[in-house]
C-alpha atoms as a PDB file:
ATOM      1  CA  MET A   1       1.496  25.149  -9.247  1.00  0.00           C
ATOM      2  CA  SER A   2      -0.524  22.779  -8.265  1.00  0.00           C
ATOM      3  CA  PRO A   3      -2.496  20.505 -10.263  1.00  0.00           C
ATOM      4  CA  ILE A   4      -4.774  19.917  -7.747  1.00  0.00           C
ATOM      5  CA  SER A   5      -6.392  23.004  -6.143  1.00  0.00           C
ATOM      6  CA  ALA A   6      -6.630  23.573  -2.309  1.00  0.00           C
ATOM      7  CA  ASP A   7     -10.574  23.845  -2.675  1.00  0.00           C
ATOM      8  CA  GLU A   8     -10.823  20.701  -4.283  1.00  0.00           C
ATOM      9  CA  LEU A   9      -8.488  18.945  -1.781  1.00  0.00           C
ATOM     10  CA  VAL A  10     -11.269  20.289   0.740  1.00  0.00           C
ATOM     11  CA  GLU A  11     -13.838  18.455  -1.092  1.00  0.00           C
ATOM     12  CA  PHE A  12     -12.222  15.181  -1.353  1.00  0.00           C
ATOM     13  CA  ALA A  13     -12.180  15.462   2.616  1.00  0.00           C
ATOM     14  CA  ALA A  14     -15.950  15.337   2.727  1.00  0.00           C
ATOM     15  CA  GLN A  15     -15.941  11.810   1.009  1.00  0.00           C
ATOM     16  CA  ASP A  16     -15.626   8.852   3.246  1.00  0.00           C
ATOM     17  CA  THR A  17     -13.665   6.985   0.571  1.00  0.00           C
ATOM     18  CA  VAL A  18     -10.737   9.783   1.141  1.00  0.00           C
ATOM     19  CA  GLU A  19      -8.842   8.795   4.527  1.00  0.00           C
ATOM     20  CA  SER A  20      -8.463  12.260   5.698  1.00  0.00           C
ATOM     21  CA  ARG A  21      -6.612  13.990   9.036  1.00  0.00           C
ATOM     22  CA  LEU A  22      -6.900  17.682  10.443  1.00  0.00           C
ATOM     23  CA  ILE A  23      -4.412  18.743  12.786  1.00  0.00           C
ATOM     24  CA  LYS A  24      -4.559  22.344  15.042  1.00  0.00           C
ATOM     25  CA  ALA A  25      -1.446  23.711  16.642  1.00  0.00           C
ATOM     26  CA  GLY A  26      -1.587  25.597  19.881  1.00  0.00           C
ATOM     27  CA  PRO A  27      -2.465  23.331  21.698  1.00  0.00           C
ATOM     28  CA  TRP A  28      -2.145  20.324  19.409  1.00  0.00           C
ATOM     29  CA  SER A  29      -5.341  18.682  18.213  1.00  0.00           C
ATOM     30  CA  PHE A  30      -6.264  15.687  16.184  1.00  0.00           C
ATOM     31  CA  ASN A  31      -9.662  14.368  14.006  1.00  0.00           C
ATOM     32  CA  THR A  32     -10.127  12.458  11.777  1.00  0.00           C
ATOM     33  CA  GLY A  33     -12.440  12.997   8.699  1.00  0.00           C
ATOM     34  CA  PRO A  34     -14.689  12.790   7.064  1.00  0.00           C
ATOM     35  CA  PHE A  35     -15.314  16.877   7.533  1.00  0.00           C
ATOM     36  CA  SER A  36     -18.278  19.422   6.117  1.00  0.00           C
ATOM     37  CA  LYS A  37     -16.257  22.763   4.915  1.00  0.00           C
ATOM     38  CA  LYS A  38     -17.301  24.278   7.711  1.00  0.00           C
ATOM     39  CA  MET A  39     -15.020  21.877  10.196  1.00  0.00           C
ATOM     40  CA  ILE A  40     -12.274  22.893   7.907  1.00  0.00           C
ATOM     41  CA  PRO A  41     -10.695  26.930   8.512  1.00  0.00           C
ATOM     42  CA  ALA A  42     -10.157  29.426   5.891  1.00  0.00           C
ATOM     43  CA  PHE A  43      -7.039  29.239   4.503  1.00  0.00           C
ATOM     44  CA  SER A  44      -6.375  32.742   5.759  1.00  0.00           C
ATOM     45  CA  LYS A  45      -6.214  31.233   9.481  1.00  0.00           C
ATOM     46  CA  PRO A  46      -2.874  30.197  10.779  1.00  0.00           C
ATOM     47  CA  ASN A  47      -1.794  26.869  12.086  1.00  0.00           C
ATOM     48  CA  TRP A  48      -3.639  23.715  10.562  1.00  0.00           C
ATOM     49  CA  THR A  49      -3.360  21.263   8.231  1.00  0.00           C
ATOM     50  CA  LEU A  50      -4.977  18.925   6.113  1.00  0.00           C
ATOM     51  CA  LEU A  51      -3.902  15.400   5.783  1.00  0.00           C
ATOM     52  CA  LEU A  52      -4.980  13.387   3.066  1.00  0.00           C
ATOM     53  CA  GLN A  53      -3.685  10.340   2.517  1.00  0.00           C
ATOM     54  CA  GLY A  54      -3.535   7.621  -0.572  1.00  0.00           C
ATOM     55  CA  MET A  55      -4.569  10.410  -3.137  1.00  0.00           C
ATOM     56  CA  GLU A  56      -2.720   8.331  -6.391  1.00  0.00           C
ATOM     57  CA  ALA A  57      -6.467   5.795  -5.840  1.00  0.00           C
ATOM     58  CA  HIS A  58      -8.265   9.690  -5.943  1.00  0.00           C
ATOM     59  CA  HIS A  59      -6.698  11.816  -8.024  1.00  0.00           C
ATOM     60  CA  PRO A  60      -4.789  10.862 -11.881  1.00  0.00           C
ATOM     61  CA  ALA A  61      -2.208  13.940 -11.208  1.00  0.00           C
ATOM     62  CA  ALA A  62      -1.192  11.989  -8.084  1.00  0.00           C
ATOM     63  CA  ALA A  63      -1.151   9.023  -9.449  1.00  0.00           C
ATOM     64  CA  LYS A  64       1.015  10.377 -12.422  1.00  0.00           C
ATOM     65  CA  ILE A  65       3.491  11.951  -8.979  1.00  0.00           C
ATOM     66  CA  LEU A  66       3.788   8.414  -7.909  1.00  0.00           C
ATOM     67  CA  SER A  67       4.379   6.572 -11.146  1.00  0.00           C
ATOM     68  CA  TRP A  68       7.503   8.656 -11.500  1.00  0.00           C
ATOM     69  CA  PHE A  69       9.115   7.000  -8.301  1.00  0.00           C
ATOM     70  CA  ARG A  70       8.777   3.016  -9.784  1.00  0.00           C
ATOM     71  CA  PHE A  71      12.476   3.176  -9.658  1.00  0.00           C
ATOM     72  CA  ILE A  72      11.489   1.685  -5.803  1.00  0.00           C
ATOM     73  CA  PRO A  73      10.108  -1.782  -6.524  1.00  0.00           C
ATOM     74  CA  ASP A  74       6.279  -1.653  -6.783  1.00  0.00           C
ATOM     75  CA  ALA A  75       6.353  -4.138  -2.952  1.00  0.00           C
ATOM     76  CA  ARG A  76       7.706  -1.275  -1.149  1.00  0.00           C
ATOM     77  CA  LEU A  77       6.193   1.960  -2.821  1.00  0.00           C
ATOM     78  CA  ASP A  78       3.047   2.382  -0.370  1.00  0.00           C
ATOM     79  CA  ASP A  79       1.234   5.611  -0.815  1.00  0.00           C
ATOM     80  CA  LEU A  80       0.970   9.728  -2.057  1.00  0.00           C
ATOM     81  CA  MET A  81      -0.057  11.622   0.880  1.00  0.00           C
ATOM     82  CA  ILE A  82      -1.290  15.290   0.117  1.00  0.00           C
ATOM     83  CA  SER A  83      -1.158  18.275   2.803  1.00  0.00           C
ATOM     84  CA  VAL A  84      -2.357  21.258   3.058  1.00  0.00           C
ATOM     85  CA  ALA A  85      -2.415  23.868   5.385  1.00  0.00           C
ATOM     86  CA  GLY A  86      -2.100  27.748   6.962  1.00  0.00           C
ATOM     87  CA  ILE A  87       0.432  29.684   7.301  1.00  0.00           C
ATOM     88  CA  GLY A  88       1.846  27.927  10.715  1.00  0.00           C
ATOM     89  CA  GLY A  89       0.235  24.823   9.653  1.00  0.00           C
ATOM     90  CA  GLY A  90       2.591  21.832  10.268  1.00  0.00           C
ATOM     91  CA  VAL A  91       2.436  18.216  12.468  1.00  0.00           C
ATOM     92  CA  GLY A  92       5.280  19.142  14.611  1.00  0.00           C
ATOM     93  CA  PRO A  93       8.280  17.659  15.020  1.00  0.00           C
ATOM     94  CA  HIS A  94       8.611  13.576  14.087  1.00  0.00           C
ATOM     95  CA  PHE A  95      10.671  10.832  12.686  1.00  0.00           C
ATOM     96  CA  ASP A  96       9.016   8.147  10.007  1.00  0.00           C
ATOM     97  CA  SER A  97      10.506   4.703  10.224  1.00  0.00           C
ATOM     98  CA  TYR A  98      10.060   4.934   6.571  1.00  0.00           C
ATOM     99  CA  ASP A  99      11.997   6.645   3.396  1.00  0.00           C
ATOM    100  CA  VAL A 100       9.868   9.729   2.348  1.00  0.00           C
ATOM    101  CA  PHE A 101      10.366  12.236  -0.653  1.00  0.00           C
ATOM    102  CA  LEU A 102       8.505  15.541  -0.587  1.00  0.00           C
ATOM    103  CA  ILE A 103       7.670  17.579  -2.739  1.00  0.00           C
ATOM    104  CA  GLN A 104       6.830  20.850  -2.503  1.00  0.00           C
ATOM    105  CA  MET A 105       4.053  21.820  -5.001  1.00  0.00           C
ATOM    106  CA  SER A 106       2.333  25.031  -3.990  1.00  0.00           C
ATOM    107  CA  GLY A 107       3.820  27.519  -1.575  1.00  0.00           C
ATOM    108  CA  ARG A 108       6.624  27.792   0.618  1.00  0.00           C
ATOM    109  CA  ARG A 109       7.366  25.460   3.025  1.00  0.00           C
ATOM    110  CA  ARG A 110      10.750  25.975   6.156  1.00  0.00           C
ATOM    111  CA  TRP A 111      12.481  21.910   6.892  1.00  0.00           C
ATOM    112  CA  GLN A 112      14.607  21.511   9.999  1.00  0.00           C
ATOM    113  CA  ILE A 113      15.846  17.823  10.348  1.00  0.00           C
ATOM    114  CA  SER A 114      17.966  16.611  12.488  1.00  0.00           C
ATOM    115  CA  GLU A 115      19.806  12.885  12.930  1.00  0.00           C
ATOM    116  CA  GLN A 116      19.806  13.284  16.765  1.00  0.00           C
ATOM    117  CA  GLU A 117      19.423   9.949  18.511  1.00  0.00           C
ATOM    118  CA  ASP A 118      16.478  11.238  21.101  1.00  0.00           C
ATOM    119  CA  LEU A 119      13.904   9.935  19.911  1.00  0.00           C
ATOM    120  CA  SER A 120      11.872  10.113  22.743  1.00  0.00           C
ATOM    121  CA  LEU A 121       8.080  11.482  22.090  1.00  0.00           C
ATOM    122  CA  THR A 122       6.437  14.133  24.195  1.00  0.00           C
ATOM    123  CA  PRO A 123       3.688  12.352  26.611  1.00  0.00           C
ATOM    124  CA  ASN A 124      -0.577  13.252  26.790  1.00  0.00           C
ATOM    125  CA  LEU A 125      -0.653  14.530  23.294  1.00  0.00           C
ATOM    126  CA  PRO A 126      -2.616  13.546  20.256  1.00  0.00           C
ATOM    127  CA  LEU A 127       0.121  12.990  18.083  1.00  0.00           C
ATOM    128  CA  LYS A 128       3.890  11.448  18.408  1.00  0.00           C
ATOM    129  CA  ILE A 129       5.300  14.918  18.810  1.00  0.00           C
ATOM    130  CA  LEU A 130       9.217  14.458  19.732  1.00  0.00           C
ATOM    131  CA  GLN A 131      10.442  15.694  23.365  1.00  0.00           C
ATOM    132  CA  HIS A 132      13.274  17.285  22.189  1.00  0.00           C
ATOM    133  CA  PHE A 133      14.303  18.038  18.658  1.00  0.00           C
ATOM    134  CA  LYS A 134      16.832  20.308  17.935  1.00  0.00           C
ATOM    135  CA  PRO A 135      17.731  20.778  14.295  1.00  0.00           C
ATOM    136  CA  GLU A 136      20.630  20.748  12.819  1.00  0.00           C
ATOM    137  CA  GLN A 137      19.782  22.013   9.300  1.00  0.00           C
ATOM    138  CA  GLU A 138      17.532  24.251   7.344  1.00  0.00           C
ATOM    139  CA  TRP A 139      15.835  24.719   4.158  1.00  0.00           C
ATOM    140  CA  VAL A 140      12.762  26.235   2.564  1.00  0.00           C
ATOM    141  CA  LEU A 141      11.369  24.814  -0.278  1.00  0.00           C
ATOM    142  CA  GLU A 142       9.492  26.146  -2.888  1.00  0.00           C
ATOM    143  CA  PRO A 143       7.250  25.122  -5.774  1.00  0.00           C
ATOM    144  CA  GLY A 144       9.050  22.122  -7.688  1.00  0.00           C
ATOM    145  CA  ASP A 145      11.676  21.835  -4.693  1.00  0.00           C
ATOM    146  CA  MET A 146      12.015  17.937  -2.984  1.00  0.00           C
ATOM    147  CA  LEU A 147      13.474  17.051  -0.403  1.00  0.00           C
ATOM    148  CA  TYR A 148      14.301  13.322   0.611  1.00  0.00           C
ATOM    149  CA  LEU A 149      13.692  11.807   4.185  1.00  0.00           C
ATOM    150  CA  PRO A 150      15.511   8.814   5.772  1.00  0.00           C
ATOM    151  CA  PRO A 151      14.067   6.650   8.422  1.00  0.00           C
ATOM    152  CA  HIS A 152      14.430   8.142  11.513  1.00  0.00           C
ATOM    153  CA  VAL A 153      15.906  11.440  10.844  1.00  0.00           C
ATOM    154  CA  ALA A 154      13.726  14.119  12.846  1.00  0.00           C
ATOM    155  CA  HIS A 155      11.997  16.448  11.068  1.00  0.00           C
ATOM    156  CA  ASP A 156       9.556  19.876  11.086  1.00  0.00           C
ATOM    157  CA  GLY A 157       7.763  21.306   8.193  1.00  0.00           C
ATOM    158  CA  ILE A 158       6.087  24.918   8.513  1.00  0.00           C
ATOM    159  CA  ALA A 159       3.929  26.275   5.946  1.00  0.00           C
ATOM    160  CA  LEU A 160       5.274  29.718   5.112  1.00  0.00           C
ATOM    161  CA  ASP A 161       2.361  29.912   2.649  1.00  0.00           C
ATOM    162  CA  ALA A 162      -1.578  30.146   2.685  1.00  0.00           C
ATOM    163  CA  GLY A 163      -2.532  27.214   1.000  1.00  0.00           C
ATOM    164  CA  CYS A 164       0.708  25.762   0.919  1.00  0.00           C
ATOM    165  CA  GLN A 165       0.585  21.865  -0.423  1.00  0.00           C
ATOM    166  CA  THR A 166       3.352  19.394  -0.043  1.00  0.00           C
ATOM    167  CA  TRP A 167       2.759  16.009  -1.944  1.00  0.00           C
ATOM    168  CA  SER A 168       4.761  13.060   0.159  1.00  0.00           C
ATOM    169  CA  VAL A 169       5.729   9.401  -1.889  1.00  0.00           C
ATOM    170  CA  GLY A 170       5.880   7.319   1.267  1.00  0.00           C
ATOM    171  CA  PHE A 171       7.464   3.811   1.403  1.00  0.00           C
ATOM    172  CA  ARG A 172       6.045   0.670   3.072  1.00  0.00           C
ATOM    173  CA  SER A 173       8.281  -1.023   5.806  1.00  0.00           C
ATOM    174  CA  PRO A 174       6.968  -3.860   7.241  1.00  0.00           C
ATOM    175  CA  SER A 175       8.720  -5.432   9.887  1.00  0.00           C
ATOM    176  CA  PHE A 176      10.209  -9.256   9.666  1.00  0.00           C
ATOM    177  CA  LYS A 177       7.555 -10.945  11.912  1.00  0.00           C
ATOM    178  CA  GLU A 178       4.564  -9.377   9.688  1.00  0.00           C
ATOM    179  CA  LEU A 179       5.937 -11.305   7.157  1.00  0.00           C
ATOM    180  CA  LEU A 180       6.847 -13.927   8.172  1.00  0.00           C
ATOM    181  CA  GLN A 181       3.350 -14.019  10.075  1.00  0.00           C
ATOM    182  CA  GLU A 182       1.887 -13.422   6.985  1.00  0.00           C
ATOM    183  CA  GLY A 183       3.849 -15.757   4.262  1.00  0.00           C
ATOM    184  CA  LEU A 184       2.778 -18.213   6.945  1.00  0.00           C
ATOM    185  CA  TRP A 185      -0.968 -18.020   7.617  1.00  0.00           C
ATOM    186  CA  ARG A 186      -1.341 -17.935   3.551  1.00  0.00           C
ATOM    187  CA  LEU A 187       1.072 -21.175   3.508  1.00  0.00           C
ATOM    188  CA  ALA A 188      -0.968 -22.826   6.397  1.00  0.00           C
ATOM    189  CA  GLU A 189      -4.259 -21.871   4.209  1.00  0.00           C
ATOM    190  CA  SER A 190      -2.507 -23.603   1.171  1.00  0.00           C
ATOM    191  CA  LEU A 191      -2.269 -27.226   3.031  1.00  0.00           C
ATOM    192  CA  GLU A 192      -5.977 -27.330   2.023  1.00  0.00           C
ATOM    193  CA  ASP A 193      -5.178 -28.491  -0.796  1.00  0.00           C
ATOM    194  CA  ILE A 194      -3.632 -31.402  -0.296  1.00  0.00           C
ATOM    195  CA  PRO A 195      -5.306 -34.914   0.401  1.00  0.00           C
ATOM    196  CA  GLU A 196      -2.180 -36.297   1.789  1.00  0.00           C
ATOM    197  CA  LEU A 197      -2.004 -34.453   4.775  1.00  0.00           C
ATOM    198  CA  GLU A 198      -5.818 -35.579   5.950  1.00  0.00           C
ATOM    199  CA  LYS A 199      -3.937 -39.122   6.563  1.00  0.00           C
ATOM    200  CA  LYS A 200      -3.827 -39.827  10.354  1.00  0.00           C
ATOM    201  CA  PHE A 201      -1.294 -40.181  12.785  1.00  0.00           C
ATOM    202  CA  ALA A 202      -0.287 -44.180  13.500  1.00  0.00           C
ATOM    203  CA  ASP A 203       2.367 -45.478  15.001  1.00  0.00           C
ATOM    204  CA  PRO A 204       1.850 -48.783  14.972  1.00  0.00           C
ATOM    205  CA  LYS A 205       5.717 -49.479  16.005  1.00  0.00           C
ATOM    206  CA  GLN A 206       5.691 -47.382  19.048  1.00  0.00           C
ATOM    207  CA  LYS A 207       6.781 -49.064  21.788  1.00  0.00           C
ATOM    208  CA  ALA A 208       5.848 -48.976  25.412  1.00  0.00           C
ATOM    209  CA  ALA A 209       7.004 -45.077  26.939  1.00  0.00           C
ATOM    210  CA  THR A 210       9.004 -44.660  29.650  1.00  0.00           C
ATOM    211  CA  HIS A 211       8.568 -41.075  29.718  1.00  0.00           C
ATOM    212  CA  ALA A 212       4.445 -40.590  29.073  1.00  0.00           C
ATOM    213  CA  GLU A 213       4.681 -36.998  29.357  1.00  0.00           C
ATOM    214  CA  GLN A 214       7.348 -36.369  26.385  1.00  0.00           C
ATOM    215  CA  LEU A 215       5.929 -35.870  22.836  1.00  0.00           C
ATOM    216  CA  PRO A 216       6.616 -38.824  21.565  1.00  0.00           C
ATOM    217  CA  GLU A 217      10.026 -40.104  18.983  1.00  0.00           C
ATOM    218  CA  GLU A 218       7.814 -41.435  16.003  1.00  0.00           C
ATOM    219  CA  LEU A 219       5.423 -38.094  15.777  1.00  0.00           C
ATOM    220  CA  ILE A 220       8.290 -35.732  15.692  1.00  0.00           C
ATOM    221  CA  GLU A 221       9.888 -38.270  13.554  1.00  0.00           C
ATOM    222  CA  GLN A 222       6.990 -38.461  11.200  1.00  0.00           C
ATOM    223  CA  ILE A 223       6.333 -34.453  11.164  1.00  0.00           C
ATOM    224  CA  THR A 224       9.857 -33.885  10.471  1.00  0.00           C
ATOM    225  CA  GLN A 225       9.194 -36.968   6.841  1.00  0.00           C
ATOM    226  CA  LYS A 226       6.410 -34.511   5.941  1.00  0.00           C
ATOM    227  CA  LEU A 227       8.175 -31.064   6.462  1.00  0.00           C
ATOM    228  CA  ARG A 228      10.523 -32.002   4.403  1.00  0.00           C
ATOM    229  CA  HIS A 229       8.648 -33.338   1.738  1.00  0.00           C
ATOM    230  CA  LEU A 230       6.569 -30.116   1.557  1.00  0.00           C
ATOM    231  CA  LYS A 231       9.872 -28.520   1.658  1.00  0.00           C
ATOM    232  CA  LEU A 232       8.351 -25.835   3.967  1.00  0.00           C
ATOM    233  CA  ASP A 233      11.714 -25.195   5.368  1.00  0.00           C
ATOM    234  CA  ARG A 234      12.774 -23.725   1.794  1.00  0.00           C
ATOM    235  CA  VAL A 235      11.956 -19.553   1.017  1.00  0.00           C
ATOM    236  CA  ASP A 236      10.532 -20.178  -1.813  1.00  0.00           C
ATOM    237  CA  ARG A 237       6.882 -22.067   0.142  1.00  0.00           C
ATOM    238  CA  PHE A 238       6.686 -18.465   2.347  1.00  0.00           C
ATOM    239  CA  LEU A 239       7.867 -16.313  -0.676  1.00  0.00           C
ATOM    240  CA  PRO A 240       3.616 -16.280  -2.449  1.00  0.00           C
ATOM    241  CA  GLY A 241       2.064 -15.796   0.583  1.00  0.00           C
ATOM    242  CA  ILE A 242       3.655 -13.184   1.126  1.00  0.00           C
ATOM    243  CA  THR A 243       3.632 -11.885  -2.490  1.00  0.00           C
ATOM    244  CA  ALA A 244      -0.278 -11.537  -1.569  1.00  0.00           C
ATOM    245  CA  TYR A 245       0.186 -10.312   1.462  1.00  0.00           C
ATOM    246  CA  LEU A 246       1.950  -7.045   0.256  1.00  0.00           C
ATOM    247  CA  SER A 247      -0.190  -7.137  -3.233  1.00  0.00           C
ATOM    248  CA  GLU A 248      -3.765  -6.389  -0.901  1.00  0.00           C
ATOM    249  CA  PRO A 249      -5.344  -2.954  -1.071  1.00  0.00           C
ATOM    250  CA  LYS A 250      -5.882  -0.882   1.466  1.00  0.00           C
ATOM    251  CA  GLN A 251      -8.274  -0.911   3.881  1.00  0.00           C
ATOM    252  CA  GLN A 252     -10.360   1.992   2.685  1.00  0.00           C
ATOM    253  CA  ALA A 253     -10.107   0.390  -1.464  1.00  0.00           C
ATOM    254  CA  PHE A 254     -13.435  -0.139  -2.614  1.00  0.00           C
ATOM    255  CA  PHE A 255     -14.241  -0.937  -5.835  1.00  0.00           C
ATOM    256  CA  ASP A 256     -17.282  -1.130  -8.605  1.00  0.00           C
ATOM    257  CA  SER A 257     -17.983  -3.337 -10.592  1.00  0.00           C
ATOM    258  CA  PRO A 258     -19.179  -2.016 -14.198  1.00  0.00           C
ATOM    259  CA  ILE A 259     -22.868  -0.874 -14.456  1.00  0.00           C
ATOM    260  CA  ASN A 260     -23.227  -2.468 -18.016  1.00  0.00           C
ATOM    261  CA  PRO A 261     -20.441  -4.988 -18.209  1.00  0.00           C
ATOM    262  CA  LEU A 262     -18.758  -6.395 -21.714  1.00  0.00           C
ATOM    263  CA  ASN A 263     -19.680  -9.801 -22.200  1.00  0.00           C
ATOM    264  CA  PRO A 264     -16.289 -11.860 -22.634  1.00  0.00           C
ATOM    265  CA  THR A 265     -17.038 -11.535 -26.543  1.00  0.00           C
ATOM    266  CA  LEU A 266     -17.213  -7.921 -26.298  1.00  0.00           C
ATOM    267  CA  PHE A 267     -14.283  -7.620 -23.720  1.00  0.00           C
ATOM    268  CA  THR A 268     -11.955  -9.391 -26.072  1.00  0.00           C
ATOM    269  CA  LYS A 269     -12.847  -6.706 -28.961  1.00  0.00           C
ATOM    270  CA  ASN A 270     -12.689  -4.064 -26.876  1.00  0.00           C
ATOM    271  CA  LEU A 271      -9.167  -5.387 -25.964  1.00  0.00           C
ATOM    272  CA  ALA A 272      -8.355  -4.584 -29.439  1.00  0.00           C
ATOM    273  CA  THR A 273      -8.967  -1.035 -29.414  1.00  0.00           C
ATOM    274  CA  LYS A 274      -8.829   0.350 -25.604  1.00  0.00           C
ATOM    275  CA  ARG A 275      -6.329  -0.007 -23.057  1.00  0.00           C
ATOM    276  CA  LEU A 276      -7.213  -1.991 -20.178  1.00  0.00           C
ATOM    277  CA  LEU A 277      -6.061  -0.471 -17.062  1.00  0.00           C
ATOM    278  CA  LEU A 278      -5.589  -1.026 -13.538  1.00  0.00           C
ATOM    279  CA  ASN A 279      -8.229   0.769 -11.212  1.00  0.00           C
ATOM    280  CA  PRO A 280      -6.264   3.038  -9.259  1.00  0.00           C
ATOM    281  CA  GLN A 281      -7.163   1.120  -6.182  1.00  0.00           C
ATOM    282  CA  THR A 282      -5.560  -1.840  -7.292  1.00  0.00           C
ATOM    283  CA  ARG A 283      -2.178  -3.556  -6.022  1.00  0.00           C
ATOM    284  CA  ILE A 284      -0.212  -5.787  -8.578  1.00  0.00           C
ATOM    285  CA  LEU A 285       3.310  -7.421  -7.864  1.00  0.00           C
ATOM    286  CA  SER A 286       5.240 -10.358  -9.432  1.00  0.00           C
ATOM    287  CA  LEU A 287       6.708 -13.138  -8.180  1.00  0.00           C
ATOM    288  CA  GLY A 288       8.614 -14.188 -11.367  1.00  0.00           C
ATOM    289  CA  LYS A 289       6.332 -15.656 -14.060  1.00  0.00           C
ATOM    290  CA  ALA A 290       3.226 -15.379 -11.514  1.00  0.00           C
ATOM    291  CA  VAL A 291       1.233 -12.169 -10.470  1.00  0.00           C
ATOM    292  CA  PHE A 292      -0.150 -11.428  -7.878  1.00  0.00           C
ATOM    293  CA  CYS A 293      -3.257  -8.601  -7.525  1.00  0.00           C
ATOM    294  CA  ASN A 294      -5.151  -7.386  -4.618  1.00  0.00           C
ATOM    295  CA  GLY A 295      -4.145 -10.406  -2.715  1.00  0.00           C
ATOM    296  CA  GLU A 296      -5.135 -13.467  -5.423  1.00  0.00           C
ATOM    297  CA  ASN A 297      -3.051 -15.094  -7.509  1.00  0.00           C
ATOM    298  CA  MET A 298      -4.353 -14.197 -10.708  1.00  0.00           C
ATOM    299  CA  SER A 299      -1.855 -16.447 -13.425  1.00  0.00           C
ATOM    300  CA  GLN A 300      -2.237 -19.907 -11.837  1.00  0.00           C
ATOM    301  CA  GLY A 301      -4.048 -22.267 -13.772  1.00  0.00           C
ATOM    302  CA  GLN A 302      -4.461 -19.526 -16.777  1.00  0.00           C
ATOM    303  CA  THR A 303      -4.135 -20.437 -20.426  1.00  0.00           C
ATOM    304  CA  LYS A 304      -0.194 -19.445 -21.038  1.00  0.00           C
ATOM    305  CA  ASP A 305      -1.913 -16.086 -23.164  1.00  0.00           C
ATOM    306  CA  ILE A 306      -4.194 -15.085 -19.972  1.00  0.00           C
ATOM    307  CA  ALA A 307      -0.713 -15.098 -17.728  1.00  0.00           C
ATOM    308  CA  GLN A 308       1.319 -13.555 -19.953  1.00  0.00           C
ATOM    309  CA  ALA A 309      -1.192 -10.949 -20.202  1.00  0.00           C
ATOM    310  CA  TRP A 310      -1.088  -9.953 -16.409  1.00  0.00           C
ATOM    311  CA  ARG A 311       2.957 -10.068 -16.580  1.00  0.00           C
ATOM    312  CA  SER A 312       2.290  -7.368 -18.930  1.00  0.00           C
ATOM    313  CA  LEU A 313      -0.214  -5.448 -16.797  1.00  0.00           C
ATOM    314  CA  ALA A 314       2.133  -5.959 -14.054  1.00  0.00           C
ATOM    315  CA  ALA A 315       4.977  -4.762 -16.096  1.00  0.00           C
ATOM    316  CA  LYS A 316       3.335  -1.945 -17.493  1.00  0.00           C
ATOM    317  CA  LYS A 317       0.572  -1.216 -15.887  1.00  0.00           C
ATOM    318  CA  SER A 318      -1.471  -1.668 -18.800  1.00  0.00           C
ATOM    319  CA  LEU A 319      -2.641  -3.821 -21.769  1.00  0.00           C
ATOM    320  CA  LEU A 320      -3.571  -3.817 -25.531  1.00  0.00           C
ATOM    321  CA  SER A 321      -3.997  -6.368 -26.872  1.00  0.00           C
ATOM    322  CA  LYS A 322      -5.175  -7.681 -30.663  1.00  0.00           C
ATOM    323  CA  LYS A 323      -5.013 -10.868 -30.590  1.00  0.00           C
ATOM    324  CA  LEU A 324      -6.255 -12.336 -26.910  1.00  0.00           C
ATOM    325  CA  PRO A 325      -9.176 -14.737 -26.502  1.00  0.00           C
ATOM    326  CA  VAL A 326     -10.708 -14.181 -23.721  1.00  0.00           C
ATOM    327  CA  SER A 327     -13.905 -16.316 -21.719  1.00  0.00           C
ATOM    328  CA  GLY A 328     -15.653 -15.727 -19.437  1.00  0.00           C
ATOM    329  CA  GLN A 329     -13.603 -17.969 -17.146  1.00  0.00           C
ATOM    330  CA  SER A 330     -10.750 -16.218 -17.473  1.00  0.00           C
ATOM    331  CA  SER A 331      -8.990 -14.255 -14.392  1.00  0.00           C
ATOM    332  CA  LEU A 332      -8.662 -11.441 -16.578  1.00  0.00           C
ATOM    333  CA  TYR A 333     -12.464 -10.898 -17.229  1.00  0.00           C
ATOM    334  CA  GLU A 334     -13.421 -12.351 -13.894  1.00  0.00           C
ATOM    335  CA  ALA A 335     -11.176  -8.911 -12.451  1.00  0.00           C
ATOM    336  CA  TYR A 336     -13.229  -7.132 -14.904  1.00  0.00           C
ATOM    337  CA  LEU A 337     -16.360  -8.069 -13.310  1.00  0.00           C
ATOM    338  CA  ALA A 338     -14.589  -6.955  -9.601  1.00  0.00           C
ATOM    339  CA  GLY A 339     -13.787  -3.726 -11.216  1.00  0.00           C
ATOM    340  CA  TRP A 340      -9.999  -3.888 -10.396  1.00  0.00           C
ATOM    341  CA  LEU A 341      -9.555  -3.724 -13.729  1.00  0.00           C
ATOM    342  CA  VAL A 342     -11.231  -0.959 -16.004  1.00  0.00           C
ATOM    343  CA  PHE A 343     -10.724   0.066 -19.665  1.00  0.00           C
ATOM    344  CA  GLU A 344      -9.243   3.320 -20.683  1.00  0.00           C
ATOM    345  CA  VAL A 345     -12.346   6.596 -20.934  1.00  0.00           C
END
């Protein structure tokens, strides 16, 4: 039995902080939330599906399920989507470009899959539905069953019971173009902190040009030397930017600062008796000893103890320390004030 009732999921769909979609079949229709309760069909009605994205940020049970998949690197885990449907509900035969684990939580769902090469889509539909789906295998998943699907395997899931719930653990699969663009953009930003690069280009040894339209060899040579000096041809210069990008929270993420924030002294005392946790919407990743949280390098320029505390947070998702002095200028305390970190209640 699902730890989140179908009625609760309908309530979540009314919140503007939850990404929700309502899909109906025959004919296909697609709408995005938030939805009032009246906009969502009764569970006794057939052929509809409500999708709720990123539920690990909104319910502890969803966060718990997602944590079970940490045998996969955090940088690859995306989120947990919950589908609740009436009988016959589904999103049509389709394929995903990433791995997915489908966990049946309530009711039954029939899955048909195919490793077909034809992945062409039906035109003029609001959804990406395969034009020629040819099922090769079929299973009926009952509560507690799970189906793993690799990328680009065609599949179609149909709810067999009212209030059918399927929880989907999805993975991030960014393109190399996306990763390199983000890494390069952040690397370019980091050049602002190098005073040497403020110097103007000069070419006192430039000879009279015979091909004035050509980029000068002297300019090419000096830029080559700068790139070599800055080691911009090495992957380790790109990785911090890529890690920062992958640690950014979702666009829908919203962080509330504590209403009555503790001062640094009380924060330190609290840390000795209560666990400091990540806000459910916070993302955190490590690159060696550096720790990036919500797109920021939190260990850079910090004391050894604070940097180690961040590494513990990244690894264990919680922190309890009786001997960690925290100043008002530490990134740990600043993250607490920003609502990125919260004390266990």
